[in-house]
PDB file of N, CA and C in Angstrom:
ATOM      1  N   MET A   1      40.175 -42.320  -1.392  1.00  0.00           N
ATOM      2  CA  MET A   1      40.720 -40.974  -1.483  1.00  0.00           C
ATOM      3  C   MET A   1      39.703 -39.996  -0.905  1.00  0.00           C
ATOM      4  N   SER A   2      40.160 -39.116  -0.072  1.00  0.00           N
ATOM      5  CA  SER A   2      39.290 -38.135   0.565  1.00  0.00           C
ATOM      6  C   SER A   2      39.055 -36.955  -0.378  1.00  0.00           C
ATOM      7  N   GLN A   3      37.811 -36.538  -0.467  1.00  0.00           N
ATOM      8  CA  GLN A   3      37.451 -35.412  -1.320  1.00  0.00           C
ATOM      9  C   GLN A   3      37.550 -34.119  -0.517  1.00  0.00           C
ATOM     10  N   PRO A   4      37.956 -33.015  -1.145  1.00  0.00           N
ATOM     11  CA  PRO A   4      38.010 -31.745  -0.414  1.00  0.00           C
ATOM     12  C   PRO A   4      36.612 -31.273  -0.043  1.00  0.00           C
ATOM     13  N   TYR A   5      36.529 -30.527   1.042  1.00  0.00           N
ATOM     14  CA  TYR A   5      35.240 -30.004   1.485  1.00  0.00           C
ATOM     15  C   TYR A   5      35.086 -28.572   0.976  1.00  0.00           C
ATOM     16  N   TYR A   6      33.923 -28.287   0.415  1.00  0.00           N
ATOM     17  CA  TYR A   6      33.586 -26.939  -0.028  1.00  0.00           C
ATOM     18  C   TYR A   6      32.300 -26.512   0.671  1.00  0.00           C
ATOM     19  N   ASP A   7      32.113 -25.220   0.844  1.00  0.00           N
ATOM     20  CA  ASP A   7      30.897 -24.716   1.486  1.00  0.00           C
ATOM     21  C   ASP A   7      29.638 -25.104   0.725  1.00  0.00           C
ATOM     22  N   SER A   8      29.769 -25.337  -0.562  1.00  0.00           N
ATOM     23  CA  SER A   8      28.607 -25.684  -1.374  1.00  0.00           C
ATOM     24  C   SER A   8      28.254 -27.169  -1.302  1.00  0.00           C
ATOM     25  N   ASN A   9      29.084 -27.995  -0.651  1.00  0.00           N
ATOM     26  CA  ASN A   9      28.785 -29.426  -0.534  1.00  0.00           C
ATOM     27  C   ASN A   9      27.485 -29.639   0.222  1.00  0.00           C
ATOM     28  N   LEU A  10      26.779 -30.699  -0.155  1.00  0.00           N
ATOM     29  CA  LEU A  10      25.533 -31.040   0.524  1.00  0.00           C
ATOM     30  C   LEU A  10      25.808 -31.452   1.965  1.00  0.00           C
ATOM     31  N   ARG A  11      25.014 -30.934   2.874  1.00  0.00           N
ATOM     32  CA  ARG A  11      25.088 -31.387   4.263  1.00  0.00           C
ATOM     33  C   ARG A  11      24.340 -32.703   4.371  1.00  0.00           C
ATOM     34  N   GLU A  12      24.573 -33.433   5.442  1.00  0.00           N
ATOM     35  CA  GLU A  12      23.969 -34.755   5.607  1.00  0.00           C
ATOM     36  C   GLU A  12      22.447 -34.698   5.573  1.00  0.00           C
ATOM     37  N   GLU A  13      21.846 -33.709   6.223  1.00  0.00           N
ATOM     38  CA  GLU A  13      20.381 -33.622   6.233  1.00  0.00           C
ATOM     39  C   GLU A  13      19.829 -33.309   4.836  1.00  0.00           C
ATOM     40  N   GLU A  14      20.558 -32.509   4.055  1.00  0.00           N
ATOM     41  CA  GLU A  14      20.137 -32.237   2.677  1.00  0.00           C
ATOM     42  C   GLU A  14      20.233 -33.510   1.830  1.00  0.00           C
ATOM     43  N   TRP A  15      21.323 -34.244   2.013  1.00  0.00           N
ATOM     44  CA  TRP A  15      21.514 -35.476   1.262  1.00  0.00           C
ATOM     45  C   TRP A  15      20.410 -36.486   1.587  1.00  0.00           C
ATOM     46  N   GLN A  16      20.007 -36.582   2.839  1.00  0.00           N
ATOM     47  CA  GLN A  16      18.949 -37.512   3.240  1.00  0.00           C
ATOM     48  C   GLN A  16      17.611 -37.150   2.592  1.00  0.00           C
ATOM     49  N   ARG A  17      17.371 -35.882   2.368  1.00  0.00           N
ATOM     50  CA  ARG A  17      16.119 -35.457   1.723  1.00  0.00           C
ATOM     51  C   ARG A  17      16.137 -35.711   0.219  1.00  0.00           C
ATOM     52  N   ILE A  18      17.303 -35.620  -0.393  1.00  0.00           N
ATOM     53  CA  ILE A  18      17.422 -35.791  -1.839  1.00  0.00           C
ATOM     54  C   ILE A  18      17.499 -37.266  -2.233  1.00  0.00           C
ATOM     55  N   THR A  19      18.099 -38.100  -1.412  1.00  0.00           N
ATOM     56  CA  THR A  19      18.346 -39.503  -1.745  1.00  0.00           C
ATOM     57  C   THR A  19      17.125 -40.247  -2.281  1.00  0.00           C
ATOM     58  N   PRO A  20      15.932 -40.123  -1.676  1.00  0.00           N
ATOM     59  CA  PRO A  20      14.783 -40.869  -2.202  1.00  0.00           C
ATOM     60  C   PRO A  20      14.371 -40.446  -3.620  1.00  0.00           C
ATOM     61  N   LEU A  21      14.785 -39.279  -4.055  1.00  0.00           N
ATOM     62  CA  LEU A  21      14.406 -38.776  -5.377  1.00  0.00           C
ATOM     63  C   LEU A  21      15.345 -39.242  -6.492  1.00  0.00           C
ATOM     64  N   LEU A  22      16.493 -39.788  -6.118  1.00  0.00           N
ATOM     65  CA  LEU A  22      17.498 -40.189  -7.099  1.00  0.00           C
ATOM     66  C   LEU A  22      17.261 -41.618  -7.578  1.00  0.00           C
ATOM     67  N   PRO A  23      17.642 -41.913  -8.822  1.00  0.00           N
ATOM     68  CA  PRO A  23      17.475 -43.283  -9.326  1.00  0.00           C
ATOM     69  C   PRO A  23      18.415 -44.242  -8.598  1.00  0.00           C
ATOM     70  N   SER A  24      17.932 -45.451  -8.351  1.00  0.00           N
ATOM     71  CA  SER A  24      18.764 -46.451  -7.688  1.00  0.00           C
ATOM     72  C   SER A  24      19.681 -47.116  -8.713  1.00  0.00           C
ATOM     73  N   GLN A  25      20.684 -47.808  -8.193  1.00  0.00           N
ATOM     74  CA  GLN A  25      21.620 -48.533  -9.052  1.00  0.00           C
ATOM     75  C   GLN A  25      20.884 -49.656  -9.772  1.00  0.00           C
ATOM     76  N   LYS A  26      21.106 -49.792 -11.045  1.00  0.00           N
ATOM     77  CA  LYS A  26      20.472 -50.859 -11.832  1.00  0.00           C
ATOM     78  C   LYS A  26      21.101 -52.205 -11.455  1.00  0.00           C
ATOM     79  N   PRO A  27      20.304 -53.276 -11.446  1.00  0.00           N
ATOM     80  CA  PRO A  27      20.855 -54.584 -11.093  1.00  0.00           C
ATOM     81  C   PRO A  27      21.803 -55.150 -12.152  1.00  0.00           C
ATOM     82  N   VAL A  28      21.696 -54.674 -13.382  1.00  0.00           N
ATOM     83  CA  VAL A  28      22.587 -55.134 -14.451  1.00  0.00           C
ATOM     84  C   VAL A  28      23.297 -53.933 -15.050  1.00  0.00           C
ATOM     85  N   GLY A  29      24.399 -54.189 -15.716  1.00  0.00           N
ATOM     86  CA  GLY A  29      25.136 -53.105 -16.348  1.00  0.00           C
ATOM     87  C   GLY A  29      26.334 -52.682 -15.525  1.00  0.00           C
ATOM     88  N   LYS A  30      26.976 -51.648 -15.974  1.00  0.00           N
ATOM     89  CA  LYS A  30      28.186 -51.151 -15.333  1.00  0.00           C
ATOM     90  C   LYS A  30      27.851 -50.430 -14.031  1.00  0.00           C
ATOM     91  N   LEU A  31      28.667 -50.677 -13.012  1.00  0.00           N
ATOM     92  CA  LEU A  31      28.480 -49.994 -11.735  1.00  0.00           C
ATOM     93  C   LEU A  31      28.906 -48.537 -11.856  1.00  0.00           C
ATOM     94  N   ARG A  32      28.328 -47.708 -11.033  1.00  0.00           N
ATOM     95  CA  ARG A  32      28.704 -46.290 -11.026  1.00  0.00           C
ATOM     96  C   ARG A  32      30.132 -46.140 -10.520  1.00  0.00           C
ATOM     97  N   GLU A  33      30.882 -45.295 -11.187  1.00  0.00           N
ATOM     98  CA  GLU A  33      32.253 -45.030 -10.764  1.00  0.00           C
ATOM     99  C   GLU A  33      32.321 -43.819  -9.848  1.00  0.00           C
ATOM    100  N   VAL A  34      31.331 -42.954  -9.930  1.00  0.00           N
ATOM    101  CA  VAL A  34      31.282 -41.738  -9.124  1.00  0.00           C
ATOM    102  C   VAL A  34      29.956 -41.738  -8.374  1.00  0.00           C
ATOM    103  N   SER A  35      30.000 -41.369  -7.099  1.00  0.00           N
ATOM    104  CA  SER A  35      28.761 -41.345  -6.324  1.00  0.00           C
ATOM    105  C   SER A  35      27.884 -40.178  -6.771  1.00  0.00           C
ATOM    106  N   LEU A  36      26.592 -40.366  -6.661  1.00  0.00           N
ATOM    107  CA  LEU A  36      25.662 -39.299  -7.037  1.00  0.00           C
ATOM    108  C   LEU A  36      25.831 -38.082  -6.134  1.00  0.00           C
ATOM    109  N   ARG A  37      26.244 -38.312  -4.910  1.00  0.00           N
ATOM    110  CA  ARG A  37      26.484 -37.185  -4.003  1.00  0.00           C
ATOM    111  C   ARG A  37      27.614 -36.307  -4.536  1.00  0.00           C
ATOM    112  N   GLU A  38      28.676 -36.925  -5.044  1.00  0.00           N
ATOM    113  CA  GLU A  38      29.782 -36.156  -5.612  1.00  0.00           C
ATOM    114  C   GLU A  38      29.345 -35.403  -6.865  1.00  0.00           C
ATOM    115  N   VAL A  39      28.475 -36.006  -7.654  1.00  0.00           N
ATOM    116  CA  VAL A  39      27.958 -35.336  -8.848  1.00  0.00           C
ATOM    117  C   VAL A  39      27.163 -34.098  -8.445  1.00  0.00           C
ATOM    118  N   LEU A  40      26.289 -34.240  -7.454  1.00  0.00           N
ATOM    119  CA  LEU A  40      25.498 -33.089  -7.001  1.00  0.00           C
ATOM    120  C   LEU A  40      26.382 -32.023  -6.369  1.00  0.00           C
ATOM    121  N   ASN A  41      27.399 -32.430  -5.617  1.00  0.00           N
ATOM    122  CA  ASN A  41      28.328 -31.450  -5.052  1.00  0.00           C
ATOM    123  C   ASN A  41      29.012 -30.657  -6.160  1.00  0.00           C
ATOM    124  N   ALA A  42      29.363 -31.326  -7.250  1.00  0.00           N
ATOM    125  CA  ALA A  42      30.002 -30.636  -8.376  1.00  0.00           C
ATOM    126  C   ALA A  42      29.035 -29.665  -9.051  1.00  0.00           C
ATOM    127  N   ILE A  43      27.763 -30.055  -9.148  1.00  0.00           N
ATOM    128  CA  ILE A  43      26.762 -29.177  -9.759  1.00  0.00           C
ATOM    129  C   ILE A  43      26.539 -27.936  -8.907  1.00  0.00           C
ATOM    130  N   PHE A  44      26.499 -28.111  -7.590  1.00  0.00           N
ATOM    131  CA  PHE A  44      26.227 -26.989  -6.693  1.00  0.00           C
ATOM    132  C   PHE A  44      27.454 -26.131  -6.410  1.00  0.00           C
ATOM    133  N   TYR A  45      28.644 -26.575  -6.822  1.00  0.00           N
ATOM    134  CA  TYR A  45      29.865 -25.819  -6.575  1.00  0.00           C
ATOM    135  C   TYR A  45      29.827 -24.517  -7.364  1.00  0.00           C
ATOM    136  N   ARG A  46      30.059 -23.430  -6.671  1.00  0.00           N
ATOM    137  CA  ARG A  46      30.063 -22.119  -7.317  1.00  0.00           C
ATOM    138  C   ARG A  46      31.329 -21.373  -6.902  1.00  0.00           C
ATOM    139  N   PRO A  47      32.277 -21.252  -7.776  1.00  0.00           N
ATOM    140  CA  PRO A  47      33.464 -20.487  -7.397  1.00  0.00           C
ATOM    141  C   PRO A  47      33.121 -19.006  -7.306  1.00  0.00           C
ATOM    142  N   THR A  48      33.207 -18.440  -6.138  1.00  0.00           N
ATOM    143  CA  THR A  48      32.844 -17.035  -5.965  1.00  0.00           C
ATOM    144  C   THR A  48      34.066 -16.131  -5.916  1.00  0.00           C
ATOM    145  N   ARG A  49      35.216 -16.654  -5.523  1.00  0.00           N
ATOM    146  CA  ARG A  49      36.399 -15.820  -5.400  1.00  0.00           C
ATOM    147  C   ARG A  49      36.808 -15.240  -6.752  1.00  0.00           C
ATOM    148  N   CYS A  50      36.748 -16.031  -7.779  1.00  0.00           N
ATOM    149  CA  CYS A  50      37.141 -15.579  -9.114  1.00  0.00           C
ATOM    150  C   CYS A  50      36.263 -14.413  -9.572  1.00  0.00           C
ATOM    151  N   ALA A  51      34.983 -14.531  -9.334  1.00  0.00           N
ATOM    152  CA  ALA A  51      34.054 -13.492  -9.779  1.00  0.00           C
ATOM    153  C   ALA A  51      34.261 -12.182  -9.029  1.00  0.00           C
ATOM    154  N   THR A  52      34.658 -12.260  -7.762  1.00  0.00           N
ATOM    155  CA  THR A  52      34.808 -11.032  -6.983  1.00  0.00           C
ATOM    156  C   THR A  52      36.199 -10.425  -7.110  1.00  0.00           C
ATOM    157  N   SER A  53      37.205 -11.223  -7.491  1.00  0.00           N
ATOM    158  CA  SER A  53      38.559 -10.679  -7.556  1.00  0.00           C
ATOM    159  C   SER A  53      38.937 -10.189  -8.953  1.00  0.00           C
ATOM    160  N   PHE A  54      38.101 -10.460  -9.939  1.00  0.00           N
ATOM    161  CA  PHE A  54      38.403 -10.035 -11.301  1.00  0.00           C
ATOM    162  C   PHE A  54      38.120  -8.544 -11.457  1.00  0.00           C
ATOM    163  N   ARG A  55      39.068  -7.832 -12.047  1.00  0.00           N
ATOM    164  CA  ARG A  55      38.889  -6.395 -12.282  1.00  0.00           C
ATOM    165  C   ARG A  55      39.009  -6.103 -13.768  1.00  0.00           C
ATOM    166  N   TRP A  56      38.185  -5.227 -14.251  1.00  0.00           N
ATOM    167  CA  TRP A  56      38.218  -4.850 -15.658  1.00  0.00           C
ATOM    168  C   TRP A  56      39.321  -3.906 -15.908  1.00  0.00           C
TER     169      TRP A  56
END
């Protein structure tokens, strides 16, 4: 399944710099169901439209 693209998503060069800092997959135990890249994209996602369109 293709994930939607957001401006806050990590670019390839950013991902290459971060990858060595992330923990590797453990040889035993449950496999990851979600990629770490998707987790970081979710953390960096900032909805800005809602904040600017809200009026008191």
